[in-house]
């Protein structure tokens, strides 16, 4: 069983429906579904690229930075990486929302 992960939007919509909030999501047409899948594919690739770059930088950092400074610089890099990933995920959700509302 290959279940695709649901976006935050999809999860929120399911919760609203369960609560009976009176909000019904309109059915997506095939073109919209295809566009949403393309957006997800593009952002998954961007996130994977950032992940590879981050791991590469960590490896390089470990060999170039003195041990006393390593943890501080590693934490700084991790924080920047997490922010980058969050920005990409938010941008993806925004683009998907635009397609859904069209």
N, C-alpha and C. Protein backbone atom coordinates (compact mmCIF):
# COMPACT_ATOMS: atom_id res chain seq x y z
N UNK A 1 0.85 -1.18 0.00
CA UNK A 1 0.00 0.00 0.00
C UNK A 1 0.89 1.24 0.00
N UNK A 2 0.82 1.99 -1.06
CA UNK A 2 1.64 3.19 -1.20
C UNK A 2 0.78 4.41 -0.91
N UNK A 3 0.85 4.87 0.31
CA UNK A 3 0.09 6.06 0.69
C UNK A 3 0.99 7.26 0.62
N UNK A 4 0.57 8.28 -0.11
CA UNK A 4 1.35 9.51 -0.18
C UNK A 4 1.06 10.35 1.05
N UNK A 5 2.09 11.00 1.53
CA UNK A 5 1.90 11.86 2.68
C UNK A 5 0.97 13.00 2.33
N UNK A 6 0.17 13.40 3.28
CA UNK A 6 -0.78 14.48 3.05
C UNK A 6 -0.16 15.80 3.49
N UNK A 7 -0.53 16.84 2.78
CA UNK A 7 -0.04 18.17 3.12
C UNK A 7 -0.79 18.68 4.35
N UNK A 8 -0.25 19.74 4.94
CA UNK A 8 -0.90 20.35 6.10
C UNK A 8 -2.30 20.82 5.72
N UNK A 9 -2.43 21.33 4.51
CA UNK A 9 -3.73 21.79 4.03
C UNK A 9 -4.73 20.64 3.99
N UNK A 10 -4.31 19.51 3.43
CA UNK A 10 -5.20 18.36 3.32
C UNK A 10 -5.62 17.85 4.70
N UNK A 11 -4.66 17.80 5.62
CA UNK A 11 -4.99 17.36 6.97
C UNK A 11 -5.96 18.31 7.66
N UNK A 12 -5.75 19.59 7.48
CA UNK A 12 -6.64 20.59 8.07
C UNK A 12 -8.04 20.47 7.49
N UNK A 13 -8.14 20.25 6.19
CA UNK A 13 -9.45 20.11 5.55
C UNK A 13 -10.19 18.88 6.07
N UNK A 14 -9.46 17.79 6.28
CA UNK A 14 -10.09 16.58 6.82
C UNK A 14 -10.64 16.84 8.23
N UNK A 15 -9.86 17.56 9.04
CA UNK A 15 -10.32 17.87 10.39
C UNK A 15 -11.57 18.74 10.37
N UNK A 16 -11.60 19.72 9.46
CA UNK A 16 -12.77 20.58 9.35
C UNK A 16 -14.01 19.78 8.95
N UNK A 17 -13.83 18.87 8.02
CA UNK A 17 -14.96 18.05 7.58
C UNK A 17 -15.48 17.18 8.72
N UNK A 18 -14.55 16.61 9.51
CA UNK A 18 -14.95 15.76 10.62
C UNK A 18 -15.72 16.54 11.68
N UNK A 19 -15.34 17.80 11.88
CA UNK A 19 -16.01 18.64 12.87
C UNK A 19 -17.34 19.17 12.36
N UNK A 20 -17.60 18.99 11.08
CA UNK A 20 -18.84 19.48 10.52
C UNK A 20 -18.87 20.99 10.43
N UNK A 21 -17.77 21.57 10.03
CA UNK A 21 -17.64 23.02 10.00
C UNK A 21 -18.43 23.65 8.85
N UNK A 22 -19.10 22.84 8.07
CA UNK A 22 -19.90 23.39 6.98
C UNK A 22 -19.07 23.84 5.79
N UNK A 23 -17.84 23.42 5.76
CA UNK A 23 -16.96 23.80 4.65
C UNK A 23 -16.71 22.58 3.80
N UNK A 24 -17.01 22.69 2.54
CA UNK A 24 -16.77 21.60 1.61
C UNK A 24 -15.70 22.00 0.61
N UNK A 25 -14.73 21.16 0.47
CA UNK A 25 -13.65 21.40 -0.49
C UNK A 25 -14.15 21.00 -1.87
N UNK A 26 -13.87 21.86 -2.87
CA UNK A 26 -14.31 21.51 -4.21
C UNK A 26 -13.41 20.43 -4.79
N UNK A 27 -13.97 19.61 -5.63
CA UNK A 27 -13.24 18.52 -6.27
C UNK A 27 -12.26 19.10 -7.28
N UNK A 28 -11.05 18.58 -7.27
CA UNK A 28 -10.02 19.04 -8.21
C UNK A 28 -10.17 18.32 -9.53
N UNK A 29 -9.93 19.05 -10.62
CA UNK A 29 -9.94 18.40 -11.92
C UNK A 29 -8.57 17.78 -12.19
N UNK A 30 -8.48 17.03 -13.27
CA UNK A 30 -7.23 16.32 -13.57
C UNK A 30 -6.06 17.27 -13.79
N UNK A 31 -6.30 18.40 -14.42
CA UNK A 31 -5.23 19.36 -14.68
C UNK A 31 -4.69 19.93 -13.36
N UNK A 32 -5.60 20.22 -12.43
CA UNK A 32 -5.18 20.73 -11.13
C UNK A 32 -4.38 19.67 -10.36
N UNK A 33 -4.87 18.44 -10.39
CA UNK A 33 -4.16 17.36 -9.71
C UNK A 33 -2.75 17.19 -10.28
N UNK A 34 -2.66 17.28 -11.60
CA UNK A 34 -1.37 17.14 -12.26
C UNK A 34 -0.44 18.30 -11.89
N UNK A 35 -0.98 19.50 -11.86
CA UNK A 35 -0.19 20.67 -11.51
C UNK A 35 0.30 20.60 -10.06
N UNK A 36 -0.56 20.14 -9.17
CA UNK A 36 -0.18 19.99 -7.77
C UNK A 36 0.93 18.94 -7.63
N UNK A 37 0.80 17.85 -8.34
CA UNK A 37 1.84 16.81 -8.28
C UNK A 37 3.16 17.34 -8.83
N UNK A 38 3.12 18.15 -9.87
CA UNK A 38 4.34 18.74 -10.42
C UNK A 38 4.98 19.70 -9.42
N UNK A 39 4.17 20.48 -8.74
CA UNK A 39 4.68 21.39 -7.70
C UNK A 39 5.36 20.58 -6.60
N UNK A 40 4.70 19.53 -6.15
CA UNK A 40 5.29 18.68 -5.10
C UNK A 40 6.60 18.05 -5.56
N UNK A 41 6.62 17.57 -6.80
CA UNK A 41 7.83 16.94 -7.35
C UNK A 41 8.99 17.95 -7.39
N UNK A 42 8.68 19.17 -7.84
CA UNK A 42 9.71 20.21 -7.94
C UNK A 42 10.27 20.55 -6.56
N UNK A 43 9.39 20.71 -5.57
CA UNK A 43 9.85 21.07 -4.24
C UNK A 43 10.54 19.91 -3.53
N UNK A 44 10.13 18.68 -3.78
CA UNK A 44 10.85 17.53 -3.23
C UNK A 44 12.28 17.52 -3.76
N UNK A 45 12.44 17.84 -5.04
CA UNK A 45 13.79 17.89 -5.63
C UNK A 45 14.62 19.01 -5.00
N UNK A 46 14.01 20.17 -4.79
CA UNK A 46 14.73 21.28 -4.16
C UNK A 46 15.15 20.92 -2.74
N UNK A 47 14.26 20.28 -2.00
CA UNK A 47 14.57 19.88 -0.63
C UNK A 47 15.68 18.83 -0.62
N UNK A 48 15.61 17.88 -1.53
CA UNK A 48 16.66 16.86 -1.62
C UNK A 48 18.01 17.49 -1.95
N UNK A 49 17.99 18.47 -2.83
CA UNK A 49 19.23 19.17 -3.19
C UNK A 49 19.81 19.88 -1.96
N UNK A 50 18.96 20.57 -1.21
CA UNK A 50 19.42 21.25 0.01
C UNK A 50 19.97 20.25 1.01
N UNK A 51 19.33 19.09 1.10
CA UNK A 51 19.77 18.05 2.02
C UNK A 51 21.17 17.56 1.65
N UNK A 52 21.39 17.31 0.39
CA UNK A 52 22.70 16.85 -0.08
C UNK A 52 23.76 17.91 0.18
N UNK A 53 23.44 19.17 -0.12
CA UNK A 53 24.40 20.25 0.12
C UNK A 53 24.71 20.38 1.61
N UNK A 54 23.70 20.27 2.45
CA UNK A 54 23.88 20.38 3.89
C UNK A 54 24.81 19.28 4.40
N UNK A 55 24.56 18.05 3.98
CA UNK A 55 25.40 16.93 4.43
C UNK A 55 26.83 17.09 3.94
N UNK A 56 26.98 17.58 2.73
CA UNK A 56 28.32 17.81 2.19
C UNK A 56 29.05 18.87 2.99
N UNK A 57 28.35 19.94 3.33
CA UNK A 57 28.96 21.02 4.14
C UNK A 57 29.32 20.52 5.53
N UNK A 58 28.49 19.66 6.11
CA UNK A 58 28.80 19.11 7.43
C UNK A 58 30.07 18.28 7.39
N UNK A 59 30.22 17.47 6.36
CA UNK A 59 31.42 16.66 6.21
C UNK A 59 32.65 17.54 6.08
N UNK A 60 32.54 18.55 5.25
CA UNK A 60 33.64 19.48 5.05
C UNK A 60 33.96 20.24 6.34
N UNK A 61 32.93 20.65 7.04
CA UNK A 61 33.09 21.40 8.28
C UNK A 61 33.88 20.60 9.31
N UNK A 62 33.56 19.33 9.43
CA UNK A 62 34.21 18.47 10.42
C UNK A 62 35.71 18.36 10.19
N UNK A 63 36.13 18.46 8.95
CA UNK A 63 37.56 18.35 8.66
C UNK A 63 38.28 19.69 8.70
N UNK A 64 37.56 20.80 8.69
CA UNK A 64 38.19 22.11 8.61
C UNK A 64 38.14 22.93 9.89
N UNK A 65 37.21 22.62 10.78
CA UNK A 65 36.99 23.46 11.96
C UNK A 65 37.56 22.77 13.20
N UNK A 66 38.21 23.54 14.06
CA UNK A 66 38.71 22.96 15.32
C UNK A 66 37.57 22.38 16.15
N UNK A 67 37.83 21.30 16.88
CA UNK A 67 36.77 20.63 17.65
C UNK A 67 36.02 21.56 18.61
N UNK A 68 36.68 22.55 19.17
CA UNK A 68 36.02 23.45 20.10
C UNK A 68 34.95 24.30 19.45
N UNK A 69 35.10 24.59 18.18
CA UNK A 69 34.14 25.43 17.46
C UNK A 69 33.13 24.62 16.65
N UNK A 70 33.39 23.34 16.52
CA UNK A 70 32.58 22.50 15.64
C UNK A 70 31.10 22.48 16.03
N UNK A 71 30.80 22.29 17.30
CA UNK A 71 29.40 22.19 17.71
C UNK A 71 28.64 23.50 17.46
N UNK A 72 29.29 24.61 17.71
CA UNK A 72 28.63 25.91 17.51
C UNK A 72 28.33 26.13 16.03
N UNK A 73 29.33 25.88 15.19
CA UNK A 73 29.13 26.09 13.75
C UNK A 73 28.15 25.08 13.17
N UNK A 74 28.19 23.86 13.68
CA UNK A 74 27.25 22.84 13.22
C UNK A 74 25.82 23.25 13.56
N UNK A 75 25.60 23.75 14.77
CA UNK A 75 24.26 24.17 15.18
C UNK A 75 23.77 25.35 14.33
N UNK A 76 24.67 26.27 14.03
CA UNK A 76 24.33 27.41 13.18
C UNK A 76 23.91 26.93 11.79
N UNK A 77 24.69 25.98 11.25
CA UNK A 77 24.35 25.42 9.93
C UNK A 77 23.03 24.67 9.96
N UNK A 78 22.79 23.91 11.02
CA UNK A 78 21.53 23.16 11.13
C UNK A 78 20.34 24.09 11.21
N UNK A 79 20.48 25.18 11.98
CA UNK A 79 19.39 26.15 12.08
C UNK A 79 19.08 26.77 10.73
N UNK A 80 20.12 27.13 9.98
CA UNK A 80 19.93 27.70 8.64
C UNK A 80 19.27 26.69 7.71
N UNK A 81 19.70 25.45 7.80
CA UNK A 81 19.13 24.38 6.97
C UNK A 81 17.65 24.20 7.29
N UNK A 82 17.30 24.15 8.57
CA UNK A 82 15.90 23.98 8.96
C UNK A 82 15.03 25.15 8.48
N UNK A 83 15.58 26.36 8.56
CA UNK A 83 14.84 27.54 8.05
C UNK A 83 14.63 27.42 6.54
N UNK A 84 15.68 27.01 5.81
CA UNK A 84 15.56 26.86 4.35
C UNK A 84 14.48 25.84 4.00
N UNK A 85 14.46 24.72 4.70
CA UNK A 85 13.48 23.68 4.42
C UNK A 85 12.06 24.19 4.73
N UNK A 86 11.91 24.91 5.83
CA UNK A 86 10.60 25.45 6.19
C UNK A 86 10.12 26.45 5.15
N UNK A 87 11.03 27.29 4.65
CA UNK A 87 10.67 28.26 3.61
C UNK A 87 10.21 27.53 2.35
N UNK A 88 10.94 26.49 1.96
CA UNK A 88 10.56 25.72 0.77
C UNK A 88 9.20 25.05 0.95
N UNK A 89 8.97 24.46 2.10
CA UNK A 89 7.69 23.79 2.35
C UNK A 89 6.53 24.79 2.36
N UNK A 90 6.75 25.96 2.95
CA UNK A 90 5.71 26.98 2.95
C UNK A 90 5.42 27.48 1.53
N UNK A 91 6.47 27.67 0.74
CA UNK A 91 6.28 28.11 -0.64
C UNK A 91 5.50 27.06 -1.43
N UNK A 92 5.82 25.78 -1.19
CA UNK A 92 5.10 24.71 -1.87
C UNK A 92 3.62 24.73 -1.49
N UNK A 93 3.33 24.85 -0.22
CA UNK A 93 1.94 24.89 0.23
C UNK A 93 1.20 26.10 -0.33
N UNK A 94 1.88 27.23 -0.42
CA UNK A 94 1.26 28.43 -1.00
C UNK A 94 0.90 28.21 -2.46
N UNK A 95 1.81 27.61 -3.22
CA UNK A 95 1.53 27.36 -4.64
C UNK A 95 0.41 26.35 -4.82
N UNK A 96 0.39 25.34 -3.97
CA UNK A 96 -0.68 24.34 -4.04
C UNK A 96 -2.02 24.99 -3.70
N UNK A 97 -2.03 25.86 -2.71
CA UNK A 97 -3.26 26.56 -2.32
C UNK A 97 -3.80 27.38 -3.48
N UNK A 98 -2.91 28.07 -4.22
CA UNK A 98 -3.33 28.86 -5.36
C UNK A 98 -4.00 27.98 -6.42
N UNK A 99 -3.40 26.82 -6.67
CA UNK A 99 -3.98 25.90 -7.67
C UNK A 99 -5.34 25.39 -7.19
N UNK A 100 -5.45 25.07 -5.93
CA UNK A 100 -6.73 24.57 -5.38
C UNK A 100 -7.83 25.62 -5.47
N UNK A 101 -7.46 26.87 -5.28
CA UNK A 101 -8.46 27.93 -5.27
C UNK A 101 -8.84 28.41 -6.67
N UNK A 102 -8.05 28.02 -7.65
CA UNK A 102 -8.32 28.47 -9.03
C UNK A 102 -9.57 27.82 -9.60
